[in-house]
Amino acid sequence: MTTMRAALDERYSDPGTQALPWADVEDVLTSADLFWVTTVRPDDRPHQTPLVAVWLDGCLHFSTGSGEQKARNLAHNDQVLLTTGCNAWDRGVDVVVEGRAERVNDRILLERLATAWADKWDGRWHYEVDDEGFRHTAGTAQVYRVRPDKVVAFTKGTFTHTSYVPTATS
């Protein structure tokens, strides 16, 4: 089992504030409609694009077609950032997840993820599972899991900057 250890960065937080509880960060990750994924091209230039993602079992999951730029980038470099939040400067919580994207090929997990996508968006994101990942009306998609190496949450209004890193527990 993995837990997340929080550390408030007082340099970027209002005086007297406390670290945002991890449960609040998970609520943001679970409920977010949209994420931005940043990958690295083979020539080391960044690439960023919006996508939908699902938080399940302590990991963020997303999908992409094998010919899309992000899939080509991930074949070269598996380091990613996934970002979500609110565009207002004085309210909400922004969250950045850092980690490595790894392909998901386990059919049981893929079935759970297909259900999670359908449930989260009232059936608007419907996938069938196959040996490559997901099938849908536009074709096939590879599915990736990102286990957080680090998560950073920024609260706004009352400003806090909290970092979270995984800590193995038994």
Protein backbone atom coordinates (compact mmCIF):
# COMPACT_ATOMS: atom_id res chain seq x y z
CA MET A 1 0.00 0.00 0.00
CA THR A 2 1.18 3.52 -0.79
CA THR A 3 0.35 6.67 1.12
CA MET A 4 1.25 10.22 0.19
CA ARG A 5 3.41 12.32 2.51
CA ALA A 6 2.58 16.04 2.36
CA ALA A 7 5.01 18.95 2.75
CA LEU A 8 3.83 22.56 2.78
CA ASP A 9 6.24 24.92 1.02
CA GLU A 10 5.97 27.99 3.22
CA ARG A 11 7.84 30.13 0.67
CA TYR A 12 4.77 30.05 -1.59
CA SER A 13 2.03 29.71 1.03
CA ASP A 14 0.15 32.29 3.06
CA PRO A 15 1.40 32.64 6.65
CA GLY A 16 -0.31 30.28 9.08
CA THR A 17 -1.70 27.93 6.43
CA GLN A 18 -1.46 24.16 6.52
CA ALA A 19 -0.85 21.55 3.84
CA LEU A 20 -3.94 20.65 1.85
CA PRO A 21 -5.07 17.19 2.99
CA TRP A 22 -4.34 14.44 0.46
CA ALA A 23 -8.03 13.46 0.45
CA ASP A 24 -8.85 16.93 -0.96
CA VAL A 25 -6.28 16.44 -3.74
CA GLU A 26 -7.75 13.03 -4.58
CA ASP A 27 -11.19 14.67 -4.79
CA VAL A 28 -9.81 17.09 -7.41
CA LEU A 29 -8.17 14.24 -9.36
CA THR A 30 -11.33 12.12 -9.21
CA SER A 31 -13.78 14.84 -10.24
CA ALA A 32 -11.75 16.73 -12.87
CA ASP A 33 -13.34 16.70 -16.32
CA LEU A 34 -10.18 17.75 -18.13
CA PHE A 35 -6.44 17.34 -17.72
CA TRP A 36 -3.51 18.69 -19.70
CA VAL A 37 -0.79 16.13 -20.46
CA THR A 38 2.76 17.26 -21.17
CA THR A 39 5.10 14.86 -22.96
CA VAL A 40 8.57 15.29 -24.46
CA ARG A 41 9.21 14.98 -28.21
CA PRO A 42 12.26 13.05 -29.46
CA ASP A 43 14.00 16.40 -30.14
CA ASP A 44 13.38 17.35 -26.45
CA ARG A 45 10.69 19.95 -27.18
CA PRO A 46 7.63 19.75 -24.92
CA HIS A 47 4.20 18.82 -26.25
CA GLN A 48 1.01 19.59 -24.33
CA THR A 49 -2.57 18.68 -25.11
CA PRO A 50 -5.88 18.38 -23.24
CA LEU A 51 -7.41 14.99 -22.54
CA VAL A 52 -9.79 13.17 -20.24
CA ALA A 53 -8.32 10.94 -17.55
CA VAL A 54 -9.50 8.67 -14.75
CA TRP A 55 -8.06 8.46 -11.23
CA LEU A 56 -8.23 4.81 -10.14
CA ASP A 57 -6.20 2.79 -7.63
CA GLY A 58 -3.94 5.73 -6.81
CA CYS A 59 -2.95 6.33 -10.46
CA LEU A 60 -4.07 8.58 -13.29
CA HIS A 61 -5.05 6.78 -16.50
CA PHE A 62 -5.42 8.23 -19.99
CA SER A 63 -5.67 6.94 -23.53
CA THR A 64 -4.31 8.00 -26.89
CA GLY A 65 -4.27 6.73 -30.45
CA SER A 66 -0.99 5.07 -31.45
CA GLY A 67 -0.43 7.64 -34.22
CA GLU A 68 -1.00 10.69 -32.02
CA GLN A 69 1.92 12.92 -31.07
CA LYS A 70 1.72 12.04 -27.38
CA ALA A 71 1.93 8.29 -28.17
CA ARG A 72 4.97 8.87 -30.39
CA ASN A 73 6.53 10.97 -27.63
CA LEU A 74 5.85 8.31 -24.98
CA ALA A 75 7.60 5.70 -27.13
CA HIS A 76 10.70 7.88 -26.82
CA ASN A 77 10.35 9.25 -23.26
CA ASP A 78 7.81 8.02 -20.70
CA GLN A 79 8.06 11.06 -18.38
CA VAL A 80 4.81 13.04 -18.19
CA LEU A 81 3.03 15.79 -16.31
CA LEU A 82 -0.74 15.76 -15.95
CA THR A 83 -2.31 19.01 -14.79
CA THR A 84 -5.84 19.96 -13.81
CA GLY A 85 -7.49 22.77 -11.91
CA CYS A 86 -9.24 26.09 -12.22
CA ASN A 87 -8.19 29.01 -14.43
CA ALA A 88 -9.12 31.57 -11.78
CA TRP A 89 -6.17 33.02 -9.85
CA ASP A 90 -8.05 33.56 -6.57
CA ARG A 91 -10.09 30.38 -6.05
CA GLY A 92 -9.91 26.64 -6.56
CA VAL A 93 -7.12 24.09 -6.51
CA ASP A 94 -4.63 23.31 -9.26
CA VAL A 95 -2.89 19.92 -9.23
CA VAL A 96 0.17 18.69 -11.11
CA VAL A 97 1.00 14.97 -11.21
CA GLU A 98 4.55 13.96 -12.20
CA GLY A 99 5.41 10.41 -13.17
CA ARG A 100 6.13 7.83 -15.85
CA ALA A 101 3.43 6.68 -18.25
CA GLU A 102 3.30 2.91 -18.59
CA ARG A 103 1.08 0.97 -21.01
CA VAL A 104 -1.84 -0.90 -19.50
CA ASN A 105 -2.48 -4.28 -21.13
CA ASP A 106 -4.12 -6.15 -18.26
CA ARG A 107 -7.65 -6.92 -19.48
CA ILE A 108 -9.18 -6.90 -16.00
CA LEU A 109 -7.79 -3.42 -15.31
CA LEU A 110 -8.80 -2.26 -18.81
CA GLU A 111 -12.38 -3.46 -18.16
CA ARG A 112 -12.43 -1.56 -14.85
CA LEU A 113 -11.08 1.54 -16.60
CA ALA A 114 -13.63 1.32 -19.43
CA THR A 115 -16.36 1.20 -16.78
CA ALA A 116 -14.79 4.10 -14.90
CA TRP A 117 -14.69 6.24 -18.07
CA ALA A 118 -18.33 5.46 -18.87
CA ASP A 119 -19.45 6.13 -15.29
CA LYS A 120 -17.53 9.38 -14.94
CA TRP A 121 -18.99 10.90 -18.11
CA ASP A 122 -22.48 9.34 -18.06
CA GLY A 123 -21.65 6.98 -20.93
CA ARG A 124 -20.35 9.70 -23.26
CA TRP A 125 -16.90 8.05 -23.23
CA HIS A 126 -17.64 4.45 -24.12
CA TYR A 127 -14.83 1.98 -24.77
CA GLU A 128 -14.64 -1.70 -25.62
CA VAL A 129 -11.56 -3.56 -24.42
CA ASP A 130 -9.23 -5.41 -26.78
CA ASP A 131 -5.65 -6.69 -26.69
CA GLU A 132 -4.25 -3.24 -27.60
CA GLY A 133 -6.26 -1.23 -25.08
CA PHE A 134 -9.56 0.45 -25.98
CA ARG A 135 -11.71 0.36 -29.12
CA HIS A 136 -14.21 3.11 -29.87
CA THR A 137 -15.98 4.65 -32.84
CA ALA A 138 -12.88 6.60 -33.93
CA GLY A 139 -10.53 3.57 -33.79
CA THR A 140 -8.26 2.12 -31.14
CA ALA A 141 -6.43 3.70 -28.25
CA GLN A 142 -3.51 2.73 -26.09
CA VAL A 143 -4.13 3.13 -22.36
CA TYR A 144 -1.50 4.49 -19.98
CA ARG A 145 -1.17 4.53 -16.21
CA VAL A 146 0.80 7.19 -14.34
CA ARG A 147 1.85 6.30 -10.79
CA PRO A 148 2.66 9.62 -9.17
CA ASP A 149 6.32 10.20 -8.34
CA LYS A 150 5.30 13.60 -7.02
CA VAL A 151 2.09 15.62 -6.84
CA VAL A 152 1.93 19.36 -6.26
CA ALA A 153 -1.28 21.13 -5.24
CA PHE A 154 -1.77 24.88 -5.34
CA THR A 155 -4.74 26.33 -3.45
CA LYS A 156 -5.84 29.81 -4.40
CA GLY A 157 -7.66 32.44 -2.38
CA THR A 158 -5.89 31.29 0.72
CA PHE A 159 -2.66 30.36 -1.04
CA THR A 160 -0.82 27.14 -0.30
CA HIS A 161 1.79 25.15 -2.19
CA THR A 162 1.87 21.52 -1.04
CA SER A 163 4.02 18.70 -2.42
CA TYR A 164 3.16 15.04 -1.95
CA VAL A 165 5.47 12.07 -2.45
CA PRO A 166 4.61 8.38 -2.13
CA THR A 167 5.66 6.57 1.01
CA ALA A 168 5.46 2.79 1.08
CA THR A 169 3.65 1.36 4.07
CA SER A 170 2.85 -2.19 5.06
